PDB file of N, CA and C in Angstrom:
ATOM      1  N   MET A   1      97.668  98.538 100.254  1.00  0.00           N
ATOM      2  CA  MET A   1      98.144  98.074  98.963  1.00  0.00           C
ATOM      3  C   MET A   1      99.382  97.199  99.179  1.00  0.00           C
ATOM      4  N   ILE A   2      99.295  95.990  98.666  1.00  0.00           N
ATOM      5  CA  ILE A   2     100.445  95.091  98.662  1.00  0.00           C
ATOM      6  C   ILE A   2     100.614  94.592  97.241  1.00  0.00           C
ATOM      7  N   ALA A   3     101.835  94.765  96.723  1.00  0.00           N
ATOM      8  CA  ALA A   3     102.141  94.355  95.348  1.00  0.00           C
ATOM      9  C   ALA A   3     101.120  94.952  94.373  1.00  0.00           C
ATOM     10  N   GLN A   4     100.798  96.198  94.592  1.00  0.00           N
ATOM     11  CA  GLN A   4      99.870  96.940  93.744  1.00  0.00           C
ATOM     12  C   GLN A   4      98.466  96.330  93.714  1.00  0.00           C
ATOM     13  N   GLN A   5      98.132  95.601  94.771  1.00  0.00           N
ATOM     14  CA  GLN A   5      96.789  95.042  94.901  1.00  0.00           C
ATOM     15  C   GLN A   5      96.166  95.607  96.172  1.00  0.00           C
ATOM     16  N   LYS A   6      94.965  96.124  96.024  1.00  0.00           N
ATOM     17  CA  LYS A   6      94.259  96.684  97.172  1.00  0.00           C
ATOM     18  C   LYS A   6      93.628  95.554  97.969  1.00  0.00           C
ATOM     19  N   LEU A   7      93.926  95.558  99.262  1.00  0.00           N
ATOM     20  CA  LEU A   7      93.364  94.548 100.154  1.00  0.00           C
ATOM     21  C   LEU A   7      92.482  95.243 101.185  1.00  0.00           C
ATOM     22  N   SER A   8      91.376  94.628 101.508  1.00  0.00           N
ATOM     23  CA  SER A   8      90.518  95.117 102.582  1.00  0.00           C
ATOM     24  C   SER A   8      90.653  94.164 103.755  1.00  0.00           C
ATOM     25  N   LEU A   9      90.990  94.726 104.903  1.00  0.00           N
ATOM     26  CA  LEU A   9      91.199  93.913 106.095  1.00  0.00           C
ATOM     27  C   LEU A   9      90.247  94.347 107.199  1.00  0.00           C
ATOM     28  N   LEU A  10      89.774  93.388 107.948  1.00  0.00           N
ATOM     29  CA  LEU A  10      89.005  93.667 109.153  1.00  0.00           C
ATOM     30  C   LEU A  10      89.927  93.313 110.316  1.00  0.00           C
ATOM     31  N   THR A  11      90.373  94.345 111.042  1.00  0.00           N
ATOM     32  CA  THR A  11      91.340  94.126 112.110  1.00  0.00           C
ATOM     33  C   THR A  11      91.142  95.135 113.224  1.00  0.00           C
ATOM     34  N   ASP A  12      91.608  94.770 114.395  1.00  0.00           N
ATOM     35  CA  ASP A  12      91.590  95.682 115.530  1.00  0.00           C
ATOM     36  C   ASP A  12      92.884  96.492 115.614  1.00  0.00           C
ATOM     37  N   GLU A  13      93.824  96.189 114.721  1.00  0.00           N
ATOM     38  CA  GLU A  13      95.103  96.889 114.728  1.00  0.00           C
ATOM     39  C   GLU A  13      94.938  98.340 114.302  1.00  0.00           C
ATOM     40  N   ASP A  14      95.834  99.163 114.795  1.00  0.00           N
ATOM     41  CA  ASP A  14      95.881 100.567 114.417  1.00  0.00           C
ATOM     42  C   ASP A  14      96.188 100.661 112.919  1.00  0.00           C
ATOM     43  N   PRO A  15      95.491 101.514 112.179  1.00  0.00           N
ATOM     44  CA  PRO A  15      95.759 101.652 110.741  1.00  0.00           C
ATOM     45  C   PRO A  15      97.223 101.950 110.417  1.00  0.00           C
ATOM     46  N   ALA A  16      97.892 102.710 111.273  1.00  0.00           N
ATOM     47  CA  ALA A  16      99.306 103.008 111.044  1.00  0.00           C
ATOM     48  C   ALA A  16     100.149 101.733 111.122  1.00  0.00           C
ATOM     49  N   HIS A  17      99.775 100.832 112.019  1.00  0.00           N
ATOM     50  CA  HIS A  17     100.488  99.556 112.146  1.00  0.00           C
ATOM     51  C   HIS A  17     100.252  98.686 110.904  1.00  0.00           C
ATOM     52  N   VAL A  18      99.027  98.666 110.425  1.00  0.00           N
ATOM     53  CA  VAL A  18      98.703  97.901 109.220  1.00  0.00           C
ATOM     54  C   VAL A  18      99.488  98.447 108.035  1.00  0.00           C
ATOM     55  N   GLN A  19      99.572  99.762 107.928  1.00  0.00           N
ATOM     56  CA  GLN A  19     100.328 100.373 106.829  1.00  0.00           C
ATOM     57  C   GLN A  19     101.816 100.058 106.944  1.00  0.00           C
ATOM     58  N   LYS A  20     102.323 100.090 108.151  1.00  0.00           N
ATOM     59  CA  LYS A  20     103.737  99.758 108.381  1.00  0.00           C
ATOM     60  C   LYS A  20     104.017  98.315 107.959  1.00  0.00           C
ATOM     61  N   THR A  21     103.094  97.422 108.263  1.00  0.00           N
ATOM     62  CA  THR A  21     103.233  96.019 107.867  1.00  0.00           C
ATOM     63  C   THR A  21     103.199  95.883 106.349  1.00  0.00           C
ATOM     64  N   ALA A  22     102.256  96.554 105.709  1.00  0.00           N
ATOM     65  CA  ALA A  22     102.169  96.514 104.244  1.00  0.00           C
ATOM     66  C   ALA A  22     103.432  97.078 103.604  1.00  0.00           C
ATOM     67  N   ASP A  23     103.969  98.140 104.185  1.00  0.00           N
ATOM     68  CA  ASP A  23     105.208  98.727 103.664  1.00  0.00           C
ATOM     69  C   ASP A  23     106.365  97.738 103.761  1.00  0.00           C
ATOM     70  N   LEU A  24     106.439  97.029 104.869  1.00  0.00           N
ATOM     71  CA  LEU A  24     107.487  96.017 105.034  1.00  0.00           C
ATOM     72  C   LEU A  24     107.362  94.922 103.976  1.00  0.00           C
ATOM     73  N   ILE A  25     106.146  94.434 103.767  1.00  0.00           N
ATOM     74  CA  ILE A  25     105.912  93.380 102.773  1.00  0.00           C
ATOM     75  C   ILE A  25     106.285  93.882 101.383  1.00  0.00           C
ATOM     76  N   ASN A  26     105.870  95.082 101.049  1.00  0.00           N
ATOM     77  CA  ASN A  26     106.203  95.641  99.735  1.00  0.00           C
ATOM     78  C   ASN A  26     107.707  95.810  99.561  1.00  0.00           C
ATOM     79  N   LYS A  27     108.379  96.268 100.599  1.00  0.00           N
ATOM     80  CA  LYS A  27     109.834  96.427 100.532  1.00  0.00           C
ATOM     81  C   LYS A  27     110.511  95.080 100.290  1.00  0.00           C
ATOM     82  N   ARG A  28     110.063  94.067 101.019  1.00  0.00           N
ATOM     83  CA  ARG A  28     110.637  92.733 100.859  1.00  0.00           C
ATOM     84  C   ARG A  28     110.335  92.163  99.479  1.00  0.00           C
ATOM     85  N   LEU A  29     109.114  92.372  98.992  1.00  0.00           N
ATOM     86  CA  LEU A  29     108.764  91.889  97.649  1.00  0.00           C
ATOM     87  C   LEU A  29     109.630  92.567  96.595  1.00  0.00           C
ATOM     88  N   ASN A  30     109.823  93.870  96.728  1.00  0.00           N
ATOM     89  CA  ASN A  30     110.645  94.603  95.760  1.00  0.00           C
ATOM     90  C   ASN A  30     112.078  94.103  95.751  1.00  0.00           C
ATOM     91  N   ALA A  31     112.568  93.662  96.906  1.00  0.00           N
ATOM     92  CA  ALA A  31     113.926  93.127  96.984  1.00  0.00           C
ATOM     93  C   ALA A  31     114.024  91.753  96.312  1.00  0.00           C
ATOM     94  N   LEU A  32     112.931  91.011  96.301  1.00  0.00           N
ATOM     95  CA  LEU A  32     112.932  89.663  95.722  1.00  0.00           C
ATOM     96  C   LEU A  32     112.650  89.652  94.222  1.00  0.00           C
ATOM     97  N   LEU A  33     111.826  90.589  93.775  1.00  0.00           N
ATOM     98  CA  LEU A  33     111.391  90.589  92.380  1.00  0.00           C
ATOM     99  C   LEU A  33     112.363  91.324  91.469  1.00  0.00           C
ATOM    100  N   VAL A  34     112.611  90.737  90.333  1.00  0.00           N
ATOM    101  CA  VAL A  34     113.342  91.438  89.279  1.00  0.00           C
ATOM    102  C   VAL A  34     112.349  92.400  88.651  1.00  0.00           C
ATOM    103  N   LYS A  35     112.816  93.598  88.296  1.00  0.00           N
ATOM    104  CA  LYS A  35     111.908  94.611  87.748  1.00  0.00           C
ATOM    105  C   LYS A  35     111.101  94.023  86.582  1.00  0.00           C
ATOM    106  N   GLY A  36     109.797  94.159  86.678  1.00  0.00           N
ATOM    107  CA  GLY A  36     108.903  93.651  85.645  1.00  0.00           C
ATOM    108  C   GLY A  36     108.483  92.202  85.837  1.00  0.00           C
ATOM    109  N   GLN A  37     109.089  91.529  86.818  1.00  0.00           N
ATOM    110  CA  GLN A  37     108.737  90.129  87.075  1.00  0.00           C
ATOM    111  C   GLN A  37     107.354  90.057  87.704  1.00  0.00           C
ATOM    112  N   PRO A  38     106.505  89.184  87.203  1.00  0.00           N
ATOM    113  CA  PRO A  38     105.170  89.064  87.804  1.00  0.00           C
ATOM    114  C   PRO A  38     105.248  88.374  89.170  1.00  0.00           C
ATOM    115  N   LEU A  39     104.298  88.698  89.993  1.00  0.00           N
ATOM    116  CA  LEU A  39     104.208  88.072  91.304  1.00  0.00           C
ATOM    117  C   LEU A  39     103.719  86.640  91.122  1.00  0.00           C
ATOM    118  N   SER A  40     104.454  85.692  91.682  1.00  0.00           N
ATOM    119  CA  SER A  40     104.089  84.283  91.541  1.00  0.00           C
ATOM    120  C   SER A  40     103.998  83.638  92.917  1.00  0.00           C
ATOM    121  N   HIS A  41     103.458  82.430  92.938  1.00  0.00           N
ATOM    122  CA  HIS A  41     103.393  81.682  94.194  1.00  0.00           C
ATOM    123  C   HIS A  41     104.792  81.391  94.724  1.00  0.00           C
ATOM    124  N   GLN A  42     105.742  81.168  93.821  1.00  0.00           N
ATOM    125  CA  GLN A  42     107.113  80.888  94.238  1.00  0.00           C
ATOM    126  C   GLN A  42     107.712  82.104  94.955  1.00  0.00           C
ATOM    127  N   VAL A  43     107.446  83.294  94.435  1.00  0.00           N
ATOM    128  CA  VAL A  43     107.957  84.511  95.075  1.00  0.00           C
ATOM    129  C   VAL A  43     107.304  84.687  96.441  1.00  0.00           C
ATOM    130  N   LEU A  44     106.015  84.423  96.519  1.00  0.00           N
ATOM    131  CA  LEU A  44     105.323  84.543  97.803  1.00  0.00           C
ATOM    132  C   LEU A  44     105.835  83.522  98.809  1.00  0.00           C
ATOM    133  N   MET A  45     106.148  82.319  98.341  1.00  0.00           N
ATOM    134  CA  MET A  45     106.709  81.294  99.229  1.00  0.00           C
ATOM    135  C   MET A  45     108.095  81.714  99.709  1.00  0.00           C
ATOM    136  N   LEU A  46     108.902  82.287  98.831  1.00  0.00           N
ATOM    137  CA  LEU A  46     110.218  82.774  99.217  1.00  0.00           C
ATOM    138  C   LEU A  46     110.088  83.898 100.239  1.00  0.00           C
ATOM    139  N   LEU A  47     109.136  84.788 100.013  1.00  0.00           N
ATOM    140  CA  LEU A  47     108.881  85.860 100.975  1.00  0.00           C
ATOM    141  C   LEU A  47     108.481  85.279 102.329  1.00  0.00           C
ATOM    142  N   ALA A  48     107.595  84.300 102.316  1.00  0.00           N
ATOM    143  CA  ALA A  48     107.156  83.661 103.561  1.00  0.00           C
ATOM    144  C   ALA A  48     108.339  83.000 104.272  1.00  0.00           C
ATOM    145  N   MET A  49     109.209  82.341 103.512  1.00  0.00           N
ATOM    146  CA  MET A  49     110.383  81.702 104.108  1.00  0.00           C
ATOM    147  C   MET A  49     111.309  82.758 104.726  1.00  0.00           C
ATOM    148  N   ASN A  50     111.517  83.865 104.025  1.00  0.00           N
ATOM    149  CA  ASN A  50     112.377  84.926 104.553  1.00  0.00           C
ATOM    150  C   ASN A  50     111.805  85.526 105.829  1.00  0.00           C
ATOM    151  N   LEU A  51     110.508  85.802 105.820  1.00  0.00           N
ATOM    152  CA  LEU A  51     109.878  86.377 107.009  1.00  0.00           C
ATOM    153  C   LEU A  51     109.881  85.379 108.166  1.00  0.00           C
ATOM    154  N   GLY A  52     109.621  84.116 107.860  1.00  0.00           N
ATOM    155  CA  GLY A  52     109.667  83.079 108.892  1.00  0.00           C
ATOM    156  C   GLY A  52     111.056  82.953 109.486  1.00  0.00           C
ATOM    157  N   ASN A  53     112.061  83.005 108.639  1.00  0.00           N
ATOM    158  CA  ASN A  53     113.447  82.943 109.097  1.00  0.00           C
ATOM    159  C   ASN A  53     113.758  84.117 110.019  1.00  0.00           C
ATOM    160  N   ASP A  54     113.342  85.313 109.627  1.00  0.00           N
ATOM    161  CA  ASP A  54     113.562  86.492 110.465  1.00  0.00           C
ATOM    162  C   ASP A  54     112.862  86.346 111.817  1.00  0.00           C
ATOM    163  N   LEU A  55     111.642  85.829 111.805  1.00  0.00           N
ATOM    164  CA  LEU A  55     110.882  85.646 113.040  1.00  0.00           C
ATOM    165  C   LEU A  55     111.586  84.664 113.973  1.00  0.00           C
ATOM    166  N   ILE A  56     112.051  83.559 113.433  1.00  0.00           N
ATOM    167  CA  ILE A  56     112.747  82.559 114.250  1.00  0.00           C
ATOM    168  C   ILE A  56     114.024  83.153 114.836  1.00  0.00           C
ATOM    169  N   LYS A  57     114.787  83.888 114.027  1.00  0.00           N
ATOM    170  CA  LYS A  57     116.011  84.516 114.523  1.00  0.00           C
ATOM    171  C   LYS A  57     115.699  85.500 115.642  1.00  0.00           C
ATOM    172  N   MET A  58     114.659  86.306 115.462  1.00  0.00           N
ATOM    173  CA  MET A  58     114.299  87.289 116.488  1.00  0.00           C
ATOM    174  C   MET A  58     113.855  86.603 117.775  1.00  0.00           C
ATOM    175  N   LYS A  59     113.103  85.527 117.648  1.00  0.00           N
ATOM    176  CA  LYS A  59     112.674  84.789 118.838  1.00  0.00           C
ATOM    177  C   LYS A  59     113.875  84.193 119.555  1.00  0.00           C
ATOM    178  N   ASP A  60     114.832  83.648 118.795  1.00  0.00           N
ATOM    179  CA  ASP A  60     116.049  83.092 119.392  1.00  0.00           C
ATOM    180  C   ASP A  60     116.852  84.178 120.102  1.00  0.00           C
ATOM    181  N   GLU A  61     116.995  85.339 119.461  1.00  0.00           N
ATOM    182  CA  GLU A  61     117.721  86.456 120.064  1.00  0.00           C
ATOM    183  C   GLU A  61     117.021  86.934 121.330  1.00  0.00           C
ATOM    184  N   SER A  62     115.698  86.993 121.287  1.00  0.00           N
ATOM    185  CA  SER A  62     114.921  87.419 122.452  1.00  0.00           C
ATOM    186  C   SER A  62     115.097  86.431 123.601  1.00  0.00           C
ATOM    187  N   ARG A  63     115.068  85.137 123.288  1.00  0.00           N
ATOM    188  CA  ARG A  63     115.247  84.113 124.321  1.00  0.00           C
ATOM    189  C   ARG A  63     116.643  84.221 124.931  1.00  0.00           C
ATOM    190  N   LYS A  64     117.665  84.389 124.089  1.00  0.00           N
ATOM    191  CA  LYS A  64     119.036  84.520 124.592  1.00  0.00           C
ATOM    192  C   LYS A  64     119.175  85.757 125.473  1.00  0.00           C
ATOM    193  N   PHE A  65     118.570  86.868 125.042  1.00  0.00           N
ATOM    194  CA  PHE A  65     118.631  88.094 125.833  1.00  0.00           C
ATOM    195  C   PHE A  65     117.955  87.891 127.186  1.00  0.00           C
ATOM    196  N   LYS A  66     116.780  87.277 127.195  1.00  0.00           N
ATOM    197  CA  LYS A  66     116.075  87.020 128.450  1.00  0.00           C
ATOM    198  C   LYS A  66     116.895  86.123 129.360  1.00  0.00           C
ATOM    199  N   ASP A  67     117.546  85.111 128.767  1.00  0.00           N
ATOM    200  CA  ASP A  67     118.397  84.219 129.557  1.00  0.00           C
ATOM    201  C   ASP A  67     119.571  84.983 130.172  1.00  0.00           C
ATOM    202  N   GLN A  68     120.162  85.898 129.398  1.00  0.00           N
ATOM    203  CA  GLN A  68     121.274  86.705 129.910  1.00  0.00           C
ATOM    204  C   GLN A  68     120.812  87.616 131.039  1.00  0.00           C
ATOM    205  N   VAL A  69     119.662  88.250 130.853  1.00  0.00           N
ATOM    206  CA  VAL A  69     119.129  89.128 131.897  1.00  0.00           C
ATOM    207  C   VAL A  69     118.836  88.321 133.156  1.00  0.00           C
ATOM    208  N   ARG A  70     118.250  87.152 132.996  1.00  0.00           N
ATOM    209  CA  ARG A  70     117.932  86.293 134.142  1.00  0.00           C
ATOM    210  C   ARG A  70     119.217  85.891 134.868  1.00  0.00           C
ATOM    211  N   ALA A  71     120.233  85.475 134.112  1.00  0.00           N
ATOM    212  CA  ALA A  71     121.496  85.047 134.724  1.00  0.00           C
ATOM    213  C   ALA A  71     122.172  86.202 135.453  1.00  0.00           C
ATOM    214  N   ARG A  72     122.182  87.372 134.840  1.00  0.00           N
ATOM    215  CA  ARG A  72     122.799  88.535 135.490  1.00  0.00           C
ATOM    216  C   ARG A  72     122.025  88.957 136.733  1.00  0.00           C
ATOM    217  N   SER A  73     120.709  88.891 136.649  1.00  0.00           N
ATOM    218  CA  SER A  73     119.881  89.250 137.801  1.00  0.00           C
ATOM    219  C   SER A  73     120.137  88.293 138.959  1.00  0.00           C
ATOM    220  N   GLU A  74     120.214  87.014 138.650  1.00  0.00           N
ATOM    221  CA  GLU A  74     120.487  86.021 139.687  1.00  0.00           C
ATOM    222  C   GLU A  74     121.864  86.240 140.299  1.00  0.00           C
ATOM    223  N   ALA A  75     122.862  86.587 139.462  1.00  0.00           N
ATOM    224  CA  ALA A  75     124.207  86.854 139.974  1.00  0.00           C
ATOM    225  C   ALA A  75     124.211  88.070 140.892  1.00  0.00           C
ATOM    226  N   ILE A  76     123.480  89.100 140.512  1.00  0.00           N
ATOM    227  CA  ILE A  76     123.395  90.304 141.345  1.00  0.00           C
ATOM    228  C   ILE A  76     122.714  89.983 142.673  1.00  0.00           C
ATOM    229  N   LEU A  77     121.627  89.227 142.616  1.00  0.00           N
ATOM    230  CA  LEU A  77     120.920  88.864 143.848  1.00  0.00           C
ATOM    231  C   LEU A  77     121.795  88.007 144.754  1.00  0.00           C
ATOM    232  N   THR A  78     122.561  87.114 144.158  1.00  0.00           N
ATOM    233  CA  THR A  78     123.469  86.266 144.942  1.00  0.00           C
ATOM    234  C   THR A  78     124.520  87.121 145.642  1.00  0.00           C
ATOM    235  N   ARG A  79     125.089  88.077 144.917  1.00  0.00           N
ATOM    236  CA  ARG A  79     126.088  88.970 145.507  1.00  0.00           C
ATOM    237  C   ARG A  79     125.478  89.817 146.615  1.00  0.00           C
ATOM    238  N   LEU A  80     124.263  90.293 146.383  1.00  0.00           N
ATOM    239  CA  LEU A  80     123.590  91.096 147.411  1.00  0.00           C
ATOM    240  C   LEU A  80     123.313  90.268 148.653  1.00  0.00           C
ATOM    241  N   ASP A  81     122.866  89.027 148.441  1.00  0.00           N
ATOM    242  CA  ASP A  81     122.605  88.132 149.575  1.00  0.00           C
ATOM    243  C   ASP A  81     123.888  87.897 150.375  1.00  0.00           C
ATOM    244  N   LYS A  82     125.001  87.677 149.700  1.00  0.00           N
ATOM    245  CA  LYS A  82     126.292  87.444 150.393  1.00  0.00           C
ATOM    246  C   LYS A  82     126.745  88.713 151.104  1.00  0.00           C
ATOM    247  N   GLU A  83     126.579  89.834 150.466  1.00  0.00           N
ATOM    248  CA  GLU A  83     127.048  91.114 151.031  1.00  0.00           C
ATOM    249  C   GLU A  83     126.232  91.538 152.246  1.00  0.00           C
ATOM    250  N   PHE A  84     124.932  91.304 152.190  1.00  0.00           N
ATOM    251  CA  PHE A  84     124.058  91.812 153.242  1.00  0.00           C
ATOM    252  C   PHE A  84     123.433  90.723 154.115  1.00  0.00           C
ATOM    253  N   SER A  85     123.964  89.513 154.013  1.00  0.00           N
ATOM    254  CA  SER A  85     123.390  88.441 154.844  1.00  0.00           C
ATOM    255  C   SER A  85     123.738  88.689 156.304  1.00  0.00           C
ATOM    256  N   ILE A  86     122.801  88.328 157.120  1.00  0.00           N
ATOM    257  CA  ILE A  86     122.972  88.565 158.561  1.00  0.00           C
ATOM    258  C   ILE A  86     123.286  87.271 159.252  1.00  0.00           C
TER     259      ILE A  86
END
């Protein structure tokens, strides 16, 4: 159920994951809608923009984290090479 509408999905995802996703969408919709406001295309577009923004931020954070891990790993390997070089 999303926005009080029953949806039927054909997916390989675990039902618990699908429910978790639906819960997230409903939570976000409830935050955007004024009580009693009907669901409109504009609200759905705003929801899509918010979710897209979150996705981009998470991808950027993930890339930065990976870059930090890579840099630290290289620094550790460099120190090990200097310490144990023959």
